[in-house]
Amino acid sequence: MTTRSRILRTVGLGAAVLALAGCSTDFHPGSAAVVNDTAITQGQVDDITDAACAYTAALRETDTRYPQLGLADLRSSIVIGLVQEEITQQVADEQGLSVSDAQVNQIAVQNVNSIPDSVPDDQREALTSFFDDQARSTVLQALIGKHADDPTVTNGSDLTSDEIAAETKPWMKEYFEAADVDVDPSFGQWNGTTLDPGTGSLSQPGSTAKSELTAAEQCG
């Protein structure tokens, strides 16, 4: 898998999710989602979205074959990643599980190092933080599974690289479904794993061809 492919999967840019760009007057003010009373703010989503778009634009400057992205899909995918990350961290905290910063950095380093120099410092920082948090979540999810099989395992140092890299971590589905998750309807509705499109929204499918997206709907 190429570095670019890893980036796309980490940020979730390829997720086929329908979403609406907008806000709801009935939802928690300033929040994109609330996970067990912990808010994920619209500001967090905006900052990461802006950084991901700057990243994509920088790549397209060096290779015009690099695809433009649907902004609504990108934002929804980021919300999914942040919600899953928050649930994972909460479960790990409850179970007394931890991973080291060094281990997280080792997982995130390729994505972080791939950020083009032309990306502004503030957006670089937002994207680096997102990559680090997603890497931590990946390791913690593997640790949660191993801890379930062997309660004496509580630290990421007890994991193998294959356990961390495993794409399927089915045990997390139970935790994702059990969490109390509210999502701003503009992004869709949490179904226990990911987001379903919002009812009656002006949504843009992830499979829509680039030519069918207006300039305002595109990222990068």
C-alpha atoms as a PDB file:
ATOM      1  CA  MET A   1       0.000   0.000   0.000  1.00  0.00           C
ATOM      2  CA  THR A   2       1.385   3.384  -0.988  1.00  0.00           C
ATOM      3  CA  THR A   3       1.829   6.285   1.420  1.00  0.00           C
ATOM      4  CA  ARG A   4      -1.007   8.158  -0.329  1.00  0.00           C
ATOM      5  CA  SER A   5      -3.305   5.134   0.065  1.00  0.00           C
ATOM      6  CA  ARG A   6      -2.508   4.994   3.773  1.00  0.00           C
ATOM      7  CA  ILE A   7      -3.351   8.671   4.098  1.00  0.00           C
ATOM      8  CA  LEU A   8      -6.678   8.225   2.360  1.00  0.00           C
ATOM      9  CA  ARG A   9      -7.614   5.331   4.627  1.00  0.00           C
ATOM     10  CA  THR A  10      -6.446   7.055   7.787  1.00  0.00           C
ATOM     11  CA  VAL A  11      -8.462  10.183   7.154  1.00  0.00           C
ATOM     12  CA  GLY A  12     -11.333   8.109   5.832  1.00  0.00           C
ATOM     13  CA  LEU A  13     -11.550  10.044   2.599  1.00  0.00           C
ATOM     14  CA  GLY A  14     -12.727   7.025   0.666  1.00  0.00           C
ATOM     15  CA  ALA A  15     -15.717   6.188   2.866  1.00  0.00           C
ATOM     16  CA  ALA A  16     -18.965   5.963   0.927  1.00  0.00           C
ATOM     17  CA  VAL A  17     -21.013   8.062   3.319  1.00  0.00           C
ATOM     18  CA  LEU A  18     -23.792  10.527   2.467  1.00  0.00           C
ATOM     19  CA  ALA A  19     -23.733  13.806   4.361  1.00  0.00           C
ATOM     20  CA  LEU A  20     -25.074  17.327   4.432  1.00  0.00           C
ATOM     21  CA  ALA A  21     -22.870  20.349   4.961  1.00  0.00           C
ATOM     22  CA  GLY A  22     -24.755  22.563   7.352  1.00  0.00           C
ATOM     23  CA  CYS A  23     -25.935  22.903  10.949  1.00  0.00           C
ATOM     24  CA  SER A  24     -28.960  22.034  13.066  1.00  0.00           C
ATOM     25  CA  THR A  25     -30.722  24.424  15.403  1.00  0.00           C
ATOM     26  CA  ASP A  26     -31.931  21.469  17.503  1.00  0.00           C
ATOM     27  CA  PHE A  27     -28.483  20.034  18.250  1.00  0.00           C
ATOM     28  CA  HIS A  28     -25.947  20.914  20.968  1.00  0.00           C
ATOM     29  CA  PRO A  29     -24.617  24.375  19.994  1.00  0.00           C
ATOM     30  CA  GLY A  30     -21.112  24.211  18.552  1.00  0.00           C
ATOM     31  CA  SER A  31     -20.981  20.402  18.616  1.00  0.00           C
ATOM     32  CA  ALA A  32     -20.622  18.031  15.673  1.00  0.00           C
ATOM     33  CA  ALA A  33     -21.251  15.034  17.932  1.00  0.00           C
ATOM     34  CA  VAL A  34     -21.574  14.133  21.594  1.00  0.00           C
ATOM     35  CA  VAL A  35     -20.185  10.808  22.820  1.00  0.00           C
ATOM     36  CA  ASN A  36     -21.252   9.807  26.341  1.00  0.00           C
ATOM     37  CA  ASP A  37     -21.502  13.511  27.279  1.00  0.00           C
ATOM     38  CA  THR A  38     -18.130  14.356  25.666  1.00  0.00           C
ATOM     39  CA  ALA A  39     -18.471  16.866  22.840  1.00  0.00           C
ATOM     40  CA  ILE A  40     -16.673  16.752  19.503  1.00  0.00           C
ATOM     41  CA  THR A  41     -16.852  20.339  18.344  1.00  0.00           C
ATOM     42  CA  GLN A  42     -17.654  21.754  14.946  1.00  0.00           C
ATOM     43  CA  GLY A  43     -14.366  23.638  15.306  1.00  0.00           C
ATOM     44  CA  GLN A  44     -12.427  20.370  15.533  1.00  0.00           C
ATOM     45  CA  VAL A  45     -14.088  19.047  12.391  1.00  0.00           C
ATOM     46  CA  ASP A  46     -13.544  22.343  10.550  1.00  0.00           C
ATOM     47  CA  ASP A  47      -9.854  22.495  11.489  1.00  0.00           C
ATOM     48  CA  ILE A  48      -9.161  18.934  10.359  1.00  0.00           C
ATOM     49  CA  THR A  49     -11.199  19.415   7.174  1.00  0.00           C
ATOM     50  CA  ASP A  50      -9.285  22.572   6.270  1.00  0.00           C
ATOM     51  CA  ALA A  51      -5.997  20.785   6.925  1.00  0.00           C
ATOM     52  CA  ALA A  52      -6.974  17.754   4.850  1.00  0.00           C
ATOM     53  CA  CYS A  53      -8.028  20.028   1.985  1.00  0.00           C
ATOM     54  CA  ALA A  54      -4.712  21.884   2.156  1.00  0.00           C
ATOM     55  CA  TYR A  55      -2.941  18.518   2.097  1.00  0.00           C
ATOM     56  CA  THR A  56      -4.924  17.426  -0.959  1.00  0.00           C
ATOM     57  CA  ALA A  57      -4.334  20.732  -2.764  1.00  0.00           C
ATOM     58  CA  ALA A  58      -0.590  20.432  -2.120  1.00  0.00           C
ATOM     59  CA  LEU A  59      -0.551  16.925  -3.587  1.00  0.00           C
ATOM     60  CA  ARG A  60      -2.448  18.086  -6.656  1.00  0.00           C
ATOM     61  CA  GLU A  61       0.162  20.762  -7.278  1.00  0.00           C
ATOM     62  CA  THR A  62       2.716  18.005  -7.821  1.00  0.00           C
ATOM     63  CA  ASP A  63       0.380  15.460  -9.439  1.00  0.00           C
ATOM     64  CA  THR A  64      -2.835  16.624 -11.125  1.00  0.00           C
ATOM     65  CA  ARG A  65      -4.001  13.015 -11.351  1.00  0.00           C
ATOM     66  CA  TYR A  66      -4.594  13.085  -7.606  1.00  0.00           C
ATOM     67  CA  PRO A  67      -8.409  13.229  -7.243  1.00  0.00           C
ATOM     68  CA  GLN A  68     -10.411  16.109  -5.901  1.00  0.00           C
ATOM     69  CA  LEU A  69     -12.550  15.162  -2.926  1.00  0.00           C
ATOM     70  CA  GLY A  70     -16.186  15.723  -2.024  1.00  0.00           C
ATOM     71  CA  LEU A  71     -16.213  18.125   0.913  1.00  0.00           C
ATOM     72  CA  ALA A  72     -19.374  16.677   2.493  1.00  0.00           C
ATOM     73  CA  ASP A  73     -17.981  13.135   2.367  1.00  0.00           C
ATOM     74  CA  LEU A  74     -14.704  14.300   3.855  1.00  0.00           C
ATOM     75  CA  ARG A  75     -16.386  16.054   6.776  1.00  0.00           C
ATOM     76  CA  SER A  76     -18.618  13.057   7.517  1.00  0.00           C
ATOM     77  CA  SER A  77     -15.666  10.690   7.377  1.00  0.00           C
ATOM     78  CA  ILE A  78     -13.762  12.875   9.828  1.00  0.00           C
ATOM     79  CA  VAL A  79     -16.735  12.850  12.207  1.00  0.00           C
ATOM     80  CA  ILE A  80     -16.863   9.043  12.000  1.00  0.00           C
ATOM     81  CA  GLY A  81     -13.160   8.841  12.816  1.00  0.00           C
ATOM     82  CA  LEU A  82     -13.473  11.237  15.753  1.00  0.00           C
ATOM     83  CA  VAL A  83     -16.505   9.442  17.202  1.00  0.00           C
ATOM     84  CA  GLN A  84     -14.861   6.024  16.965  1.00  0.00           C
ATOM     85  CA  GLU A  85     -11.680   7.449  18.436  1.00  0.00           C
ATOM     86  CA  GLU A  86     -13.536   8.964  21.411  1.00  0.00           C
ATOM     87  CA  ILE A  87     -15.397   5.722  22.132  1.00  0.00           C
ATOM     88  CA  THR A  88     -12.155   3.767  21.928  1.00  0.00           C
ATOM     89  CA  GLN A  89     -10.356   6.119  24.308  1.00  0.00           C
ATOM     90  CA  GLN A  90     -13.206   5.999  26.812  1.00  0.00           C
ATOM     91  CA  VAL A  91     -13.267   2.184  26.760  1.00  0.00           C
ATOM     92  CA  ALA A  92      -9.492   2.050  27.199  1.00  0.00           C
ATOM     93  CA  ASP A  93      -9.642   4.476  30.142  1.00  0.00           C
ATOM     94  CA  GLU A  94     -12.378   2.413  31.817  1.00  0.00           C
ATOM     95  CA  GLN A  95     -10.323  -0.766  31.413  1.00  0.00           C
ATOM     96  CA  GLY A  96      -7.046   0.819  32.508  1.00  0.00           C
ATOM     97  CA  LEU A  97      -5.341   0.294  29.149  1.00  0.00           C
ATOM     98  CA  SER A  98      -2.546   2.466  27.819  1.00  0.00           C
ATOM     99  CA  VAL A  99      -0.079   2.849  24.962  1.00  0.00           C
ATOM    100  CA  SER A 100       3.097   4.909  24.850  1.00  0.00           C
ATOM    101  CA  ASP A 101       3.587   8.062  22.804  1.00  0.00           C
ATOM    102  CA  ALA A 102       6.597   6.380  21.195  1.00  0.00           C
ATOM    103  CA  GLN A 103       4.421   3.520  19.971  1.00  0.00           C
ATOM    104  CA  VAL A 104       1.827   5.950  18.619  1.00  0.00           C
ATOM    105  CA  ASN A 105       4.509   7.979  16.834  1.00  0.00           C
ATOM    106  CA  GLN A 106       5.879   4.837  15.242  1.00  0.00           C
ATOM    107  CA  ILE A 107       2.470   4.101  13.720  1.00  0.00           C
ATOM    108  CA  ALA A 108       1.742   7.689  12.653  1.00  0.00           C
ATOM    109  CA  VAL A 109       5.180   8.734  11.422  1.00  0.00           C
ATOM    110  CA  GLN A 110       4.726   7.841   7.734  1.00  0.00           C
ATOM    111  CA  ASN A 111       1.484   9.793   7.493  1.00  0.00           C
ATOM    112  CA  VAL A 112       2.931  12.753   9.373  1.00  0.00           C
ATOM    113  CA  ASN A 113       6.099  12.817   7.272  1.00  0.00           C
ATOM    114  CA  SER A 114       4.057  12.762   4.074  1.00  0.00           C
ATOM    115  CA  ILE A 115       2.484  16.167   4.793  1.00  0.00           C
ATOM    116  CA  PRO A 116       3.909  18.505   2.114  1.00  0.00           C
ATOM    117  CA  ASP A 117       6.101  21.387   3.268  1.00  0.00           C
ATOM    118  CA  SER A 118       3.725  23.838   1.609  1.00  0.00           C
ATOM    119  CA  VAL A 119       0.921  23.063   4.078  1.00  0.00           C
ATOM    120  CA  PRO A 120       0.695  26.004   6.538  1.00  0.00           C
ATOM    121  CA  ASP A 121       1.952  25.380  10.070  1.00  0.00           C
ATOM    122  CA  ASP A 122      -1.438  25.594  11.783  1.00  0.00           C
ATOM    123  CA  GLN A 123      -2.982  23.120   9.344  1.00  0.00           C
ATOM    124  CA  ARG A 124       0.065  20.880   9.605  1.00  0.00           C
ATOM    125  CA  GLU A 125      -0.429  20.840  13.372  1.00  0.00           C
ATOM    126  CA  ALA A 126      -4.132  19.961  13.064  1.00  0.00           C
ATOM    127  CA  LEU A 127      -3.437  17.154  10.601  1.00  0.00           C
ATOM    128  CA  THR A 128      -0.517  15.812  12.654  1.00  0.00           C
ATOM    129  CA  SER A 129      -2.686  15.733  15.755  1.00  0.00           C
ATOM    130  CA  PHE A 130      -5.423  13.896  13.852  1.00  0.00           C
ATOM    131  CA  PHE A 131      -2.974  11.322  12.495  1.00  0.00           C
ATOM    132  CA  ASP A 132      -1.526  10.802  15.980  1.00  0.00           C
ATOM    133  CA  ASP A 133      -4.968  10.390  17.554  1.00  0.00           C
ATOM    134  CA  GLN A 134      -6.076   7.935  14.883  1.00  0.00           C
ATOM    135  CA  ALA A 135      -2.861   5.942  15.348  1.00  0.00           C
ATOM    136  CA  ARG A 136      -3.428   5.837  19.118  1.00  0.00           C
ATOM    137  CA  SER A 137      -6.977   4.649  18.511  1.00  0.00           C
ATOM    138  CA  THR A 138      -5.746   1.883  16.204  1.00  0.00           C
ATOM    139  CA  VAL A 139      -3.318   0.584  18.840  1.00  0.00           C
ATOM    140  CA  LEU A 140      -5.874   0.883  21.636  1.00  0.00           C
ATOM    141  CA  GLN A 141      -8.455  -1.065  19.649  1.00  0.00           C
ATOM    142  CA  ALA A 142      -5.982  -3.910  19.214  1.00  0.00           C
ATOM    143  CA  LEU A 143      -5.169  -3.730  22.923  1.00  0.00           C
ATOM    144  CA  ILE A 144      -8.847  -3.838  23.909  1.00  0.00           C
ATOM    145  CA  GLY A 145      -9.239  -7.074  21.966  1.00  0.00           C
ATOM    146  CA  LYS A 146      -6.157  -8.691  23.463  1.00  0.00           C
ATOM    147  CA  HIS A 147      -7.123  -7.567  26.972  1.00  0.00           C
ATOM    148  CA  ALA A 148     -10.487  -9.312  26.519  1.00  0.00           C
ATOM    149  CA  ASP A 149      -8.654 -12.591  25.861  1.00  0.00           C
ATOM    150  CA  ASP A 150      -6.013 -12.040  28.550  1.00  0.00           C
ATOM    151  CA  PRO A 151      -6.889  -9.537  31.323  1.00  0.00           C
ATOM    152  CA  THR A 152      -3.224  -9.319  32.356  1.00  0.00           C
ATOM    153  CA  VAL A 153      -2.438  -7.496  29.100  1.00  0.00           C
ATOM    154  CA  THR A 154      -2.933  -3.786  29.738  1.00  0.00           C
ATOM    155  CA  ASN A 155      -0.145  -2.098  27.784  1.00  0.00           C
ATOM    156  CA  GLY A 156       0.431  -1.623  24.086  1.00  0.00           C
ATOM    157  CA  SER A 157       3.958  -2.997  24.414  1.00  0.00           C
ATOM    158  CA  ASP A 158       2.396  -6.474  24.645  1.00  0.00           C
ATOM    159  CA  LEU A 159       0.955  -6.223  21.132  1.00  0.00           C
ATOM    160  CA  THR A 160       2.498  -7.592  17.966  1.00  0.00           C
ATOM    161  CA  SER A 161       2.703  -5.510  14.815  1.00  0.00           C
ATOM    162  CA  ASP A 162       0.273  -7.900  13.106  1.00  0.00           C
ATOM    163  CA  GLU A 163      -2.289  -7.430  15.880  1.00  0.00           C
ATOM    164  CA  ILE A 164      -2.083  -3.671  15.511  1.00  0.00           C
ATOM    165  CA  ALA A 165      -2.198  -3.744  11.711  1.00  0.00           C
ATOM    166  CA  ALA A 166      -5.218  -6.075  11.513  1.00  0.00           C
ATOM    167  CA  GLU A 167      -7.860  -4.287   9.450  1.00  0.00           C
ATOM    168  CA  THR A 168     -10.744  -6.075  11.144  1.00  0.00           C
ATOM    169  CA  LYS A 169     -11.273  -5.579  14.880  1.00  0.00           C
ATOM    170  CA  PRO A 170     -14.794  -7.033  15.257  1.00  0.00           C
ATOM    171  CA  TRP A 171     -14.861  -6.758  19.049  1.00  0.00           C
ATOM    172  CA  MET A 172     -15.121  -2.978  18.772  1.00  0.00           C
ATOM    173  CA  LYS A 173     -18.621  -3.239  17.263  1.00  0.00           C
ATOM    174  CA  GLU A 174     -20.082  -4.007  20.712  1.00  0.00           C
ATOM    175  CA  TYR A 175     -18.517  -0.879  22.207  1.00  0.00           C
ATOM    176  CA  PHE A 176     -19.516   1.328  19.268  1.00  0.00           C
ATOM    177  CA  GLU A 177     -23.128   0.142  19.547  1.00  0.00           C
ATOM    178  CA  ALA A 178     -23.263   0.520  23.345  1.00  0.00           C
ATOM    179  CA  ALA A 179     -22.004   4.121  23.371  1.00  0.00           C
ATOM    180  CA  ASP A 180     -24.469   6.987  23.737  1.00  0.00           C
ATOM    181  CA  VAL A 181     -23.761   8.920  20.544  1.00  0.00           C
ATOM    182  CA  ASP A 182     -25.619  11.953  19.231  1.00  0.00           C
ATOM    183  CA  VAL A 183     -24.519  13.426  15.910  1.00  0.00           C
ATOM    184  CA  ASP A 184     -25.540  16.728  14.363  1.00  0.00           C
ATOM    185  CA  PRO A 185     -28.172  15.677  11.773  1.00  0.00           C
ATOM    186  CA  SER A 186     -26.279  17.624   9.129  1.00  0.00           C
ATOM    187  CA  PHE A 187     -23.727  14.799   9.157  1.00  0.00           C
ATOM    188  CA  GLY A 188     -26.267  11.981   9.373  1.00  0.00           C
ATOM    189  CA  GLN A 189     -27.294   9.561  12.113  1.00  0.00           C
ATOM    190  CA  TRP A 190     -25.019   7.235  14.088  1.00  0.00           C
ATOM    191  CA  ASN A 191     -26.077   3.637  13.431  1.00  0.00           C
ATOM    192  CA  GLY A 192     -23.790   1.977  15.950  1.00  0.00           C
ATOM    193  CA  THR A 193     -20.758   1.807  13.688  1.00  0.00           C
ATOM    194  CA  THR A 194     -20.825   4.627  11.183  1.00  0.00           C
ATOM    195  CA  LEU A 195     -23.155   7.349   9.871  1.00  0.00           C
ATOM    196  CA  ASP A 196     -26.370   6.927   7.919  1.00  0.00           C
ATOM    197  CA  PRO A 197     -27.413   9.920   5.783  1.00  0.00           C
ATOM    198  CA  GLY A 198     -29.628  12.517   7.402  1.00  0.00           C
ATOM    199  CA  THR A 199     -33.319  12.414   6.542  1.00  0.00           C
ATOM    200  CA  GLY A 200     -34.384  15.004   4.019  1.00  0.00           C
ATOM    201  CA  SER A 201     -30.902  16.463   3.667  1.00  0.00           C
ATOM    202  CA  LEU A 202     -29.259  17.777   0.538  1.00  0.00           C
ATOM    203  CA  SER A 203     -26.650  15.049   0.434  1.00  0.00           C
ATOM    204  CA  GLN A 204     -23.874  14.177  -1.966  1.00  0.00           C
ATOM    205  CA  PRO A 205     -22.973  10.489  -2.445  1.00  0.00           C
ATOM    206  CA  GLY A 206     -19.313   9.586  -2.183  1.00  0.00           C
ATOM    207  CA  SER A 207     -19.498   7.808  -5.538  1.00  0.00           C
ATOM    208  CA  THR A 208     -20.521  10.957  -7.385  1.00  0.00           C
ATOM    209  CA  ALA A 209     -18.145  11.765 -10.211  1.00  0.00           C
ATOM    210  CA  LYS A 210     -15.850  14.729  -9.736  1.00  0.00           C
ATOM    211  CA  SER A 211     -17.461  16.523 -12.702  1.00  0.00           C
ATOM    212  CA  GLU A 212     -20.829  16.459 -10.910  1.00  0.00           C
ATOM    213  CA  LEU A 213     -19.524  18.372  -7.898  1.00  0.00           C
ATOM    214  CA  THR A 214     -19.557  22.140  -7.908  1.00  0.00           C
ATOM    215  CA  ALA A 215     -16.425  24.050  -6.882  1.00  0.00           C
ATOM    216  CA  ALA A 216     -17.972  24.711  -3.454  1.00  0.00           C
ATOM    217  CA  GLU A 217     -18.578  20.974  -2.972  1.00  0.00           C
ATOM    218  CA  GLN A 218     -14.991  20.022  -3.776  1.00  0.00           C
ATOM    219  CA  CYS A 219     -11.952  19.862  -1.540  1.00  0.00           C
ATOM    220  CA  GLY A 220      -8.442  20.275  -2.886  1.00  0.00           C
END
